[in-house]
């Protein structure tokens, strides 16, 4: 599903990853983190796709909200588990969205 974001400007956090073979409760943690993120102040939505490379883009109203999400204790624990167990590699990018447009039938 395509996230319904507000008028620009807002921020996008782009998380790109390559997973290990070890699932070890990854799906459960991903769902938990999504539920937790939705409750955070400044959260606007998320889009995700995965194949050989996983890409999750979350949208936020401001940089302070992104920083608070990064510092969330449960999110910090999940990131550590990602480094030790779930990911071969990952990269996080934060971008200011200045323009957006779309199409829908």
PDB file of N, CA and C in Angstrom:
ATOM      1  N   UNK A   1       0.842  -1.176   0.000  1.00  0.00           N
ATOM      2  CA  UNK A   1       0.000   0.000   0.000  1.00  0.00           C
ATOM      3  C   UNK A   1       0.894   1.249   0.000  1.00  0.00           C
ATOM      4  N   UNK A   2       0.479   2.246  -0.713  1.00  0.00           N
ATOM      5  CA  UNK A   2       1.216   3.505  -0.781  1.00  0.00           C
ATOM      6  C   UNK A   2       0.766   4.393   0.378  1.00  0.00           C
ATOM      7  N   UNK A   3       1.725   4.883   1.145  1.00  0.00           N
ATOM      8  CA  UNK A   3       1.425   5.733   2.296  1.00  0.00           C
ATOM      9  C   UNK A   3       0.768   7.034   1.843  1.00  0.00           C
ATOM     10  N   UNK A   4      -0.211   7.466   2.590  1.00  0.00           N
ATOM     11  CA  UNK A   4      -0.892   8.728   2.334  1.00  0.00           C
ATOM     12  C   UNK A   4      -0.212   9.810   3.171  1.00  0.00           C
ATOM     13  N   UNK A   5       0.712  10.513   2.552  1.00  0.00           N
ATOM     14  CA  UNK A   5       1.493  11.526   3.257  1.00  0.00           C
ATOM     15  C   UNK A   5       0.850  12.904   3.124  1.00  0.00           C
ATOM     16  N   UNK A   6       1.174  13.812   4.037  1.00  0.00           N
ATOM     17  CA  UNK A   6       0.603  15.163   3.995  1.00  0.00           C
ATOM     18  C   UNK A   6       1.310  16.020   2.952  1.00  0.00           C
ATOM     19  N   UNK A   7       0.911  17.274   2.885  1.00  0.00           N
ATOM     20  CA  UNK A   7       1.606  18.225   2.023  1.00  0.00           C
ATOM     21  C   UNK A   7       3.064  18.310   2.437  1.00  0.00           C
ATOM     22  N   UNK A   8       3.920  18.527   1.469  1.00  0.00           N
ATOM     23  CA  UNK A   8       5.344  18.683   1.739  1.00  0.00           C
ATOM     24  C   UNK A   8       5.587  20.032   2.423  1.00  0.00           C
ATOM     25  N   UNK A   9       6.678  20.156   3.137  1.00  0.00           N
ATOM     26  CA  UNK A   9       7.770  19.214   3.298  1.00  0.00           C
ATOM     27  C   UNK A   9       7.535  18.253   4.465  1.00  0.00           C
ATOM     28  N   UNK A  10       8.155  17.090   4.372  1.00  0.00           N
ATOM     29  CA  UNK A  10       8.226  16.110   5.452  1.00  0.00           C
ATOM     30  C   UNK A  10       9.481  15.282   5.193  1.00  0.00           C
ATOM     31  N   UNK A  11       9.770  14.329   6.044  1.00  0.00           N
ATOM     32  CA  UNK A  11      11.008  13.561   5.937  1.00  0.00           C
ATOM     33  C   UNK A  11      10.739  12.096   5.627  1.00  0.00           C
ATOM     34  N   UNK A  12      11.684  11.489   4.920  1.00  0.00           N
ATOM     35  CA  UNK A  12      11.648  10.058   4.632  1.00  0.00           C
ATOM     36  C   UNK A  12      12.905   9.421   5.216  1.00  0.00           C
ATOM     37  N   UNK A  13      12.721   8.321   5.933  1.00  0.00           N
ATOM     38  CA  UNK A  13      13.832   7.506   6.413  1.00  0.00           C
ATOM     39  C   UNK A  13      13.830   6.257   5.547  1.00  0.00           C
ATOM     40  N   UNK A  14      14.888   6.090   4.776  1.00  0.00           N
ATOM     41  CA  UNK A  14      14.989   4.986   3.822  1.00  0.00           C
ATOM     42  C   UNK A  14      15.956   3.959   4.397  1.00  0.00           C
ATOM     43  N   UNK A  15      15.426   2.786   4.715  1.00  0.00           N
ATOM     44  CA  UNK A  15      16.227   1.714   5.303  1.00  0.00           C
ATOM     45  C   UNK A  15      16.358   0.598   4.270  1.00  0.00           C
ATOM     46  N   UNK A  16      17.576   0.379   3.804  1.00  0.00           N
ATOM     47  CA  UNK A  16      17.864  -0.638   2.795  1.00  0.00           C
ATOM     48  C   UNK A  16      18.705  -1.724   3.453  1.00  0.00           C
ATOM     49  N   UNK A  17      18.329  -2.996   3.237  1.00  0.00           N
ATOM     50  CA  UNK A  17      19.032  -4.069   3.936  1.00  0.00           C
ATOM     51  C   UNK A  17      19.183  -5.324   3.086  1.00  0.00           C
ATOM     52  N   UNK A  18      20.197  -6.085   3.449  1.00  0.00           N
ATOM     53  CA  UNK A  18      20.398  -7.433   2.928  1.00  0.00           C
ATOM     54  C   UNK A  18      20.374  -8.342   4.143  1.00  0.00           C
ATOM     55  N   UNK A  19      19.474  -9.320   4.124  1.00  0.00           N
ATOM     56  CA  UNK A  19      19.268 -10.193   5.276  1.00  0.00           C
ATOM     57  C   UNK A  19      20.221 -11.382   5.276  1.00  0.00           C
ATOM     58  N   UNK A  20      20.431 -11.933   6.467  1.00  0.00           N
ATOM     59  CA  UNK A  20      21.123 -13.207   6.608  1.00  0.00           C
ATOM     60  C   UNK A  20      20.100 -14.321   6.366  1.00  0.00           C
ATOM     61  N   UNK A  21      20.542 -15.547   6.432  1.00  0.00           N
ATOM     62  CA  UNK A  21      19.635 -16.689   6.299  1.00  0.00           C
ATOM     63  C   UNK A  21      18.846 -16.934   7.582  1.00  0.00           C
ATOM     64  N   UNK A  22      19.270 -16.340   8.682  1.00  0.00           N
ATOM     65  CA  UNK A  22      18.705 -16.588   9.999  1.00  0.00           C
ATOM     66  C   UNK A  22      17.460 -15.740  10.232  1.00  0.00           C
ATOM     67  N   UNK A  23      16.263 -16.365  10.237  1.00  0.00           N
ATOM     68  CA  UNK A  23      15.029 -15.614  10.486  1.00  0.00           C
ATOM     69  C   UNK A  23      14.893 -15.289  11.965  1.00  0.00           C
ATOM     70  N   UNK A  24      15.021 -16.284  12.824  1.00  0.00           N
ATOM     71  CA  UNK A  24      15.060 -16.112  14.274  1.00  0.00           C
ATOM     72  C   UNK A  24      14.138 -14.997  14.786  1.00  0.00           C
ATOM     73  N   UNK A  25      12.838 -15.128  14.487  1.00  0.00           N
ATOM     74  CA  UNK A  25      11.800 -14.197  14.949  1.00  0.00           C
ATOM     75  C   UNK A  25      11.851 -12.817  14.293  1.00  0.00           C
ATOM     76  N   UNK A  26      12.477 -12.710  13.132  1.00  0.00           N
ATOM     77  CA  UNK A  26      12.569 -11.428  12.439  1.00  0.00           C
ATOM     78  C   UNK A  26      11.177 -10.870  12.115  1.00  0.00           C
ATOM     79  N   UNK A  27      10.309 -11.701  11.551  1.00  0.00           N
ATOM     80  CA  UNK A  27       8.978 -11.230  11.138  1.00  0.00           C
ATOM     81  C   UNK A  27       8.185 -10.688  12.313  1.00  0.00           C
ATOM     82  N   UNK A  28       8.262 -11.374  13.439  1.00  0.00           N
ATOM     83  CA  UNK A  28       7.545 -10.921  14.634  1.00  0.00           C
ATOM     84  C   UNK A  28       8.085  -9.573  15.111  1.00  0.00           C
ATOM     85  N   UNK A  29       9.406  -9.430  15.101  1.00  0.00           N
ATOM     86  CA  UNK A  29       9.993  -8.162  15.541  1.00  0.00           C
ATOM     87  C   UNK A  29       9.652  -7.039  14.565  1.00  0.00           C
ATOM     88  N   UNK A  30       9.659  -7.332  13.277  1.00  0.00           N
ATOM     89  CA  UNK A  30       9.313  -6.310  12.280  1.00  0.00           C
ATOM     90  C   UNK A  30       7.886  -5.804  12.505  1.00  0.00           C
ATOM     91  N   UNK A  31       6.956  -6.710  12.769  1.00  0.00           N
ATOM     92  CA  UNK A  31       5.570  -6.307  13.036  1.00  0.00           C
ATOM     93  C   UNK A  31       5.475  -5.493  14.329  1.00  0.00           C
ATOM     94  N   UNK A  32       6.219  -5.913  15.339  1.00  0.00           N
ATOM     95  CA  UNK A  32       6.222  -5.179  16.603  1.00  0.00           C
ATOM     96  C   UNK A  32       6.750  -3.764  16.403  1.00  0.00           C
ATOM     97  N   UNK A  33       7.843  -3.621  15.640  1.00  0.00           N
ATOM     98  CA  UNK A  33       8.432  -2.298  15.407  1.00  0.00           C
ATOM     99  C   UNK A  33       7.482  -1.419  14.600  1.00  0.00           C
ATOM    100  N   UNK A  34       6.790  -2.006  13.630  1.00  0.00           N
ATOM    101  CA  UNK A  34       5.823  -1.236  12.840  1.00  0.00           C
ATOM    102  C   UNK A  34       4.705  -0.713  13.738  1.00  0.00           C
ATOM    103  N   UNK A  35       4.185  -1.561  14.608  1.00  0.00           N
ATOM    104  CA  UNK A  35       3.141  -1.130  15.539  1.00  0.00           C
ATOM    105  C   UNK A  35       3.624  -0.043  16.480  1.00  0.00           C
ATOM    106  N   UNK A  36       4.845  -0.178  16.948  1.00  0.00           N
ATOM    107  CA  UNK A  36       5.423   0.815  17.852  1.00  0.00           C
ATOM    108  C   UNK A  36       5.678   2.142  17.129  1.00  0.00           C
ATOM    109  N   UNK A  37       6.192   2.059  15.904  1.00  0.00           N
ATOM    110  CA  UNK A  37       6.452   3.282  15.125  1.00  0.00           C
ATOM    111  C   UNK A  37       5.163   4.058  14.888  1.00  0.00           C
ATOM    112  N   UNK A  38       4.093   3.343  14.597  1.00  0.00           N
ATOM    113  CA  UNK A  38       2.803   4.001  14.333  1.00  0.00           C
ATOM    114  C   UNK A  38       2.326   4.836  15.509  1.00  0.00           C
ATOM    115  N   UNK A  39       2.773   4.508  16.715  1.00  0.00           N
ATOM    116  CA  UNK A  39       2.356   5.230  17.916  1.00  0.00           C
ATOM    117  C   UNK A  39       3.249   6.436  18.221  1.00  0.00           C
ATOM    118  N   UNK A  40       4.332   6.582  17.478  1.00  0.00           N
ATOM    119  CA  UNK A  40       5.290   7.651  17.760  1.00  0.00           C
ATOM    120  C   UNK A  40       4.798   8.992  17.221  1.00  0.00           C
ATOM    121  N   UNK A  41       5.032  10.029  17.988  1.00  0.00           N
ATOM    122  CA  UNK A  41       4.709  11.382  17.541  1.00  0.00           C
ATOM    123  C   UNK A  41       5.494  11.687  16.265  1.00  0.00           C
ATOM    124  N   UNK A  42       4.829  12.236  15.279  1.00  0.00           N
ATOM    125  CA  UNK A  42       5.487  12.617  14.036  1.00  0.00           C
ATOM    126  C   UNK A  42       5.487  11.552  12.961  1.00  0.00           C
ATOM    127  N   UNK A  43       5.050  10.331  13.277  1.00  0.00           N
ATOM    128  CA  UNK A  43       4.994   9.250  12.293  1.00  0.00           C
ATOM    129  C   UNK A  43       3.888   9.538  11.285  1.00  0.00           C
ATOM    130  N   UNK A  44       4.190   9.371  10.001  1.00  0.00           N
ATOM    131  CA  UNK A  44       3.215   9.664   8.949  1.00  0.00           C
ATOM    132  C   UNK A  44       2.804   8.447   8.131  1.00  0.00           C
ATOM    133  N   UNK A  45       3.667   7.437   8.034  1.00  0.00           N
ATOM    134  CA  UNK A  45       3.335   6.257   7.245  1.00  0.00           C
ATOM    135  C   UNK A  45       4.574   5.468   6.883  1.00  0.00           C
ATOM    136  N   UNK A  46       4.351   4.343   6.178  1.00  0.00           N
ATOM    137  CA  UNK A  46       5.466   3.468   5.807  1.00  0.00           C
ATOM    138  C   UNK A  46       5.131   2.727   4.517  1.00  0.00           C
ATOM    139  N   UNK A  47       6.171   2.407   3.768  1.00  0.00           N
ATOM    140  CA  UNK A  47       6.077   1.551   2.583  1.00  0.00           C
ATOM    141  C   UNK A  47       7.259   0.596   2.644  1.00  0.00           C
ATOM    142  N   UNK A  48       7.026  -0.654   2.232  1.00  0.00           N
ATOM    143  CA  UNK A  48       8.092  -1.638   2.339  1.00  0.00           C
ATOM    144  C   UNK A  48       7.993  -2.655   1.212  1.00  0.00           C
ATOM    145  N   UNK A  49       9.149  -3.099   0.750  1.00  0.00           N
ATOM    146  CA  UNK A  49       9.233  -4.156  -0.269  1.00  0.00           C
ATOM    147  C   UNK A  49      10.516  -4.931  -0.035  1.00  0.00           C
ATOM    148  N   UNK A  50      10.487  -6.213  -0.381  1.00  0.00           N
ATOM    149  CA  UNK A  50      11.721  -6.981  -0.219  1.00  0.00           C
ATOM    150  C   UNK A  50      11.794  -8.098  -1.248  1.00  0.00           C
ATOM    151  N   UNK A  51      13.006  -8.352  -1.641  1.00  0.00           N
ATOM    152  CA  UNK A  51      13.355  -9.455  -2.515  1.00  0.00           C
ATOM    153  C   UNK A  51      14.769  -9.827  -2.098  1.00  0.00           C
ATOM    154  N   UNK A  52      15.739  -9.640  -2.945  1.00  0.00           N
ATOM    155  CA  UNK A  52      17.125  -9.835  -2.525  1.00  0.00           C
ATOM    156  C   UNK A  52      17.562  -8.706  -1.597  1.00  0.00           C
ATOM    157  N   UNK A  53      17.021  -7.525  -1.850  1.00  0.00           N
ATOM    158  CA  UNK A  53      17.281  -6.350  -1.019  1.00  0.00           C
ATOM    159  C   UNK A  53      15.947  -5.893  -0.443  1.00  0.00           C
ATOM    160  N   UNK A  54      15.934  -5.593   0.848  1.00  0.00           N
ATOM    161  CA  UNK A  54      14.732  -5.057   1.474  1.00  0.00           C
ATOM    162  C   UNK A  54      14.831  -3.544   1.547  1.00  0.00           C
ATOM    163  N   UNK A  55      13.725  -2.875   1.266  1.00  0.00           N
ATOM    164  CA  UNK A  55      13.681  -1.421   1.372  1.00  0.00           C
ATOM    165  C   UNK A  55      12.409  -1.048   2.127  1.00  0.00           C
ATOM    166  N   UNK A  56      12.597  -0.306   3.210  1.00  0.00           N
ATOM    167  CA  UNK A  56      11.479   0.230   3.972  1.00  0.00           C
ATOM    168  C   UNK A  56      11.663   1.733   4.052  1.00  0.00           C
ATOM    169  N   UNK A  57      10.621   2.449   3.671  1.00  0.00           N
ATOM    170  CA  UNK A  57      10.646   3.907   3.744  1.00  0.00           C
ATOM    171  C   UNK A  57       9.575   4.322   4.742  1.00  0.00           C
ATOM    172  N   UNK A  58      10.010   4.966   5.813  1.00  0.00           N
ATOM    173  CA  UNK A  58       9.047   5.515   6.764  1.00  0.00           C
ATOM    174  C   UNK A  58       9.055   7.033   6.617  1.00  0.00           C
ATOM    175  N   UNK A  59       7.890   7.626   6.857  1.00  0.00           N
ATOM    176  CA  UNK A  59       7.723   9.062   6.668  1.00  0.00           C
ATOM    177  C   UNK A  59       7.445   9.714   8.014  1.00  0.00           C
ATOM    178  N   UNK A  60       8.066  10.886   8.211  1.00  0.00           N
ATOM    179  CA  UNK A  60       8.019  11.575   9.497  1.00  0.00           C
ATOM    180  C   UNK A  60       7.817  13.073   9.282  1.00  0.00           C
ATOM    181  N   UNK A  61       7.195  13.705  10.247  1.00  0.00           N
ATOM    182  CA  UNK A  61       6.903  15.135  10.118  1.00  0.00           C
ATOM    183  C   UNK A  61       8.136  16.011  10.313  1.00  0.00           C
ATOM    184  N   UNK A  62       9.112  15.551  11.116  1.00  0.00           N
ATOM    185  CA  UNK A  62      10.266  16.395  11.413  1.00  0.00           C
ATOM    186  C   UNK A  62      11.443  15.546  11.893  1.00  0.00           C
ATOM    187  N   UNK A  63      12.612  16.169  11.928  1.00  0.00           N
ATOM    188  CA  UNK A  63      13.835  15.464  12.334  1.00  0.00           C
ATOM    189  C   UNK A  63      13.810  15.066  13.808  1.00  0.00           C
ATOM    190  N   UNK A  64      13.182  15.859  14.646  1.00  0.00           N
ATOM    191  CA  UNK A  64      13.107  15.526  16.068  1.00  0.00           C
ATOM    192  C   UNK A  64      12.337  14.225  16.284  1.00  0.00           C
ATOM    193  N   UNK A  65      11.268  14.018  15.547  1.00  0.00           N
ATOM    194  CA  UNK A  65      10.495  12.770  15.648  1.00  0.00           C
ATOM    195  C   UNK A  65      11.343  11.577  15.225  1.00  0.00           C
ATOM    196  N   UNK A  66      12.138  11.741  14.184  1.00  0.00           N
ATOM    197  CA  UNK A  66      13.032  10.668  13.725  1.00  0.00           C
ATOM    198  C   UNK A  66      14.053  10.350  14.813  1.00  0.00           C
ATOM    199  N   UNK A  67      14.619  11.379  15.428  1.00  0.00           N
ATOM    200  CA  UNK A  67      15.611  11.177  16.484  1.00  0.00           C
ATOM    201  C   UNK A  67      14.990  10.445  17.672  1.00  0.00           C
ATOM    202  N   UNK A  68      13.784  10.827  18.063  1.00  0.00           N
ATOM    203  CA  UNK A  68      13.107  10.164  19.179  1.00  0.00           C
ATOM    204  C   UNK A  68      12.831   8.694  18.851  1.00  0.00           C
ATOM    205  N   UNK A  69      12.450   8.399  17.621  1.00  0.00           N
ATOM    206  CA  UNK A  69      12.217   7.013  17.215  1.00  0.00           C
ATOM    207  C   UNK A  69      13.526   6.228  17.281  1.00  0.00           C
ATOM    208  N   UNK A  70      14.606   6.815  16.828  1.00  0.00           N
ATOM    209  CA  UNK A  70      15.898   6.133  16.885  1.00  0.00           C
ATOM    210  C   UNK A  70      16.296   5.832  18.327  1.00  0.00           C
ATOM    211  N   UNK A  71      15.977   6.724  19.250  1.00  0.00           N
ATOM    212  CA  UNK A  71      16.375   6.560  20.643  1.00  0.00           C
ATOM    213  C   UNK A  71      15.401   5.698  21.449  1.00  0.00           C
ATOM    214  N   UNK A  72      14.265   5.321  20.867  1.00  0.00           N
ATOM    215  CA  UNK A  72      13.302   4.471  21.553  1.00  0.00           C
ATOM    216  C   UNK A  72      13.993   3.178  22.001  1.00  0.00           C
ATOM    217  N   UNK A  73      13.819   2.803  23.257  1.00  0.00           N
ATOM    218  CA  UNK A  73      14.531   1.666  23.832  1.00  0.00           C
ATOM    219  C   UNK A  73      14.265   0.363  23.078  1.00  0.00           C
ATOM    220  N   UNK A  74      13.016   0.056  22.804  1.00  0.00           N
ATOM    221  CA  UNK A  74      12.693  -1.186  22.095  1.00  0.00           C
ATOM    222  C   UNK A  74      13.261  -1.177  20.675  1.00  0.00           C
ATOM    223  N   UNK A  75      13.206  -0.032  20.033  1.00  0.00           N
ATOM    224  CA  UNK A  75      13.763   0.090  18.686  1.00  0.00           C
ATOM    225  C   UNK A  75      15.283  -0.096  18.727  1.00  0.00           C
ATOM    226  N   UNK A  76      15.932   0.439  19.741  1.00  0.00           N
ATOM    227  CA  UNK A  76      17.383   0.276  19.901  1.00  0.00           C
ATOM    228  C   UNK A  76      17.752  -1.192  20.074  1.00  0.00           C
ATOM    229  N   UNK A  77      16.977  -1.928  20.867  1.00  0.00           N
ATOM    230  CA  UNK A  77      17.230  -3.361  21.054  1.00  0.00           C
ATOM    231  C   UNK A  77      17.041  -4.130  19.746  1.00  0.00           C
ATOM    232  N   UNK A  78      16.028  -3.775  18.980  1.00  0.00           N
ATOM    233  CA  UNK A  78      15.793  -4.428  17.688  1.00  0.00           C
ATOM    234  C   UNK A  78      16.942  -4.144  16.723  1.00  0.00           C
ATOM    235  N   UNK A  79      17.466  -2.915  16.732  1.00  0.00           N
ATOM    236  CA  UNK A  79      18.601  -2.584  15.864  1.00  0.00           C
ATOM    237  C   UNK A  79      19.821  -3.421  16.217  1.00  0.00           C
ATOM    238  N   UNK A  80      20.063  -3.610  17.508  1.00  0.00           N
ATOM    239  CA  UNK A  80      21.205  -4.434  17.928  1.00  0.00           C
ATOM    240  C   UNK A  80      21.036  -5.881  17.471  1.00  0.00           C
ATOM    241  N   UNK A  81      19.829  -6.399  17.581  1.00  0.00           N
ATOM    242  CA  UNK A  81      19.557  -7.770  17.112  1.00  0.00           C
ATOM    243  C   UNK A  81      19.745  -7.839  15.597  1.00  0.00           C
ATOM    244  N   UNK A  82      19.375  -6.786  14.906  1.00  0.00           N
ATOM    245  CA  UNK A  82      19.593  -6.728  13.455  1.00  0.00           C
ATOM    246  C   UNK A  82      21.058  -6.825  13.110  1.00  0.00           C
ATOM    247  N   UNK A  83      21.880  -6.089  13.818  1.00  0.00           N
ATOM    248  CA  UNK A  83      23.331  -6.113  13.565  1.00  0.00           C
ATOM    249  C   UNK A  83      23.925  -7.484  13.874  1.00  0.00           C
ATOM    250  N   UNK A  84      23.478  -8.102  14.960  1.00  0.00           N
ATOM    251  CA  UNK A  84      24.087  -9.357  15.388  1.00  0.00           C
ATOM    252  C   UNK A  84      23.516 -10.586  14.691  1.00  0.00           C
ATOM    253  N   UNK A  85      22.267 -10.510  14.198  1.00  0.00           N
ATOM    254  CA  UNK A  85      21.590 -11.718  13.728  1.00  0.00           C
ATOM    255  C   UNK A  85      20.973 -11.615  12.340  1.00  0.00           C
ATOM    256  N   UNK A  86      20.212 -10.555  12.061  1.00  0.00           N
ATOM    257  CA  UNK A  86      19.337 -10.543  10.892  1.00  0.00           C
ATOM    258  C   UNK A  86      19.931  -9.960   9.619  1.00  0.00           C
ATOM    259  N   UNK A  87      20.904  -9.089   9.711  1.00  0.00           N
ATOM    260  CA  UNK A  87      21.385  -8.382   8.525  1.00  0.00           C
ATOM    261  C   UNK A  87      22.834  -8.693   8.192  1.00  0.00           C
ATOM    262  N   UNK A  88      23.072  -8.883   6.888  1.00  0.00           N
ATOM    263  CA  UNK A  88      24.450  -8.927   6.385  1.00  0.00           C
ATOM    264  C   UNK A  88      24.955  -7.498   6.225  1.00  0.00           C
ATOM    265  N   UNK A  89      24.054  -6.624   5.804  1.00  0.00           N
ATOM    266  CA  UNK A  89      24.397  -5.216   5.584  1.00  0.00           C
ATOM    267  C   UNK A  89      23.116  -4.390   5.615  1.00  0.00           C
ATOM    268  N   UNK A  90      23.250  -3.134   6.008  1.00  0.00           N
ATOM    269  CA  UNK A  90      22.129  -2.211   5.884  1.00  0.00           C
ATOM    270  C   UNK A  90      22.641  -0.783   5.785  1.00  0.00           C
ATOM    271  N   UNK A  91      21.780   0.085   5.297  1.00  0.00           N
ATOM    272  CA  UNK A  91      22.096   1.506   5.198  1.00  0.00           C
ATOM    273  C   UNK A  91      20.810   2.269   5.494  1.00  0.00           C
ATOM    274  N   UNK A  92      20.948   3.348   6.268  1.00  0.00           N
ATOM    275  CA  UNK A  92      19.819   4.225   6.564  1.00  0.00           C
ATOM    276  C   UNK A  92      20.119   5.595   5.977  1.00  0.00           C
ATOM    277  N   UNK A  93      19.136   6.124   5.279  1.00  0.00           N
ATOM    278  CA  UNK A  93      19.262   7.459   4.696  1.00  0.00           C
ATOM    279  C   UNK A  93      18.064   8.291   5.165  1.00  0.00           C
ATOM    280  N   UNK A  94      18.306   9.545   5.451  1.00  0.00           N
ATOM    281  CA  UNK A  94      17.230  10.449   5.847  1.00  0.00           C
ATOM    282  C   UNK A  94      17.180  11.575   4.822  1.00  0.00           C
ATOM    283  N   UNK A  95      15.991  11.784   4.266  1.00  0.00           N
ATOM    284  CA  UNK A  95      15.843  12.767   3.190  1.00  0.00           C
ATOM    285  C   UNK A  95      14.659  13.688   3.462  1.00  0.00           C
ATOM    286  N   UNK A  96      14.812  14.931   3.081  1.00  0.00           N
ATOM    287  CA  UNK A  96      13.712  15.888   3.121  1.00  0.00           C
ATOM    288  C   UNK A  96      12.923  15.752   1.825  1.00  0.00           C
ATOM    289  N   UNK A  97      11.642  15.497   1.951  1.00  0.00           N
ATOM    290  CA  UNK A  97      10.769  15.413   0.779  1.00  0.00           C
ATOM    291  C   UNK A  97      10.218  16.810   0.524  1.00  0.00           C
ATOM    292  N   UNK A  98      10.610  17.379  -0.597  1.00  0.00           N
ATOM    293  CA  UNK A  98      10.183  18.739  -0.923  1.00  0.00           C
ATOM    294  C   UNK A  98       9.010  18.772  -1.890  1.00  0.00           C
ATOM    295  N   UNK A  99       8.877  17.726  -2.695  1.00  0.00           N
ATOM    296  CA  UNK A  99       7.778  17.635  -3.655  1.00  0.00           C
ATOM    297  C   UNK A  99       7.321  16.192  -3.716  1.00  0.00           C
ATOM    298  N   UNK A 100       6.025  15.986  -3.884  1.00  0.00           N
ATOM    299  CA  UNK A 100       5.516  14.661  -4.204  1.00  0.00           C
ATOM    300  C   UNK A 100       4.297  14.800  -5.097  1.00  0.00           C
ATOM    301  N   UNK A 101       4.046  13.790  -5.865  1.00  0.00           N
ATOM    302  CA  UNK A 101       2.864  13.757  -6.721  1.00  0.00           C
ATOM    303  C   UNK A 101       2.572  12.304  -7.028  1.00  0.00           C
ATOM    304  N   UNK A 102       1.379  12.007  -7.509  1.00  0.00           N
ATOM    305  CA  UNK A 102       1.035  10.615  -7.740  1.00  0.00           C
ATOM    306  C   UNK A 102      -0.119  10.453  -8.719  1.00  0.00           C
ATOM    307  N   UNK A 103      -0.524   9.204  -8.840  1.00  0.00           N
ATOM    308  CA  UNK A 103      -1.599   8.817  -9.739  1.00  0.00           C
ATOM    309  C   UNK A 103      -2.300   7.627  -9.119  1.00  0.00           C
ATOM    310  N   UNK A 104      -3.612   7.579  -9.233  1.00  0.00           N
ATOM    311  CA  UNK A 104      -4.380   6.443  -8.715  1.00  0.00           C
ATOM    312  C   UNK A 104      -5.649   6.290  -9.541  1.00  0.00           C
ATOM    313  N   UNK A 105      -5.945   5.071  -9.965  1.00  0.00           N
ATOM    314  CA  UNK A 105      -7.190   4.788 -10.680  1.00  0.00           C
ATOM    315  C   UNK A 105      -8.283   4.434  -9.709  1.00  0.00           C
TER     316      UNK A 105
END
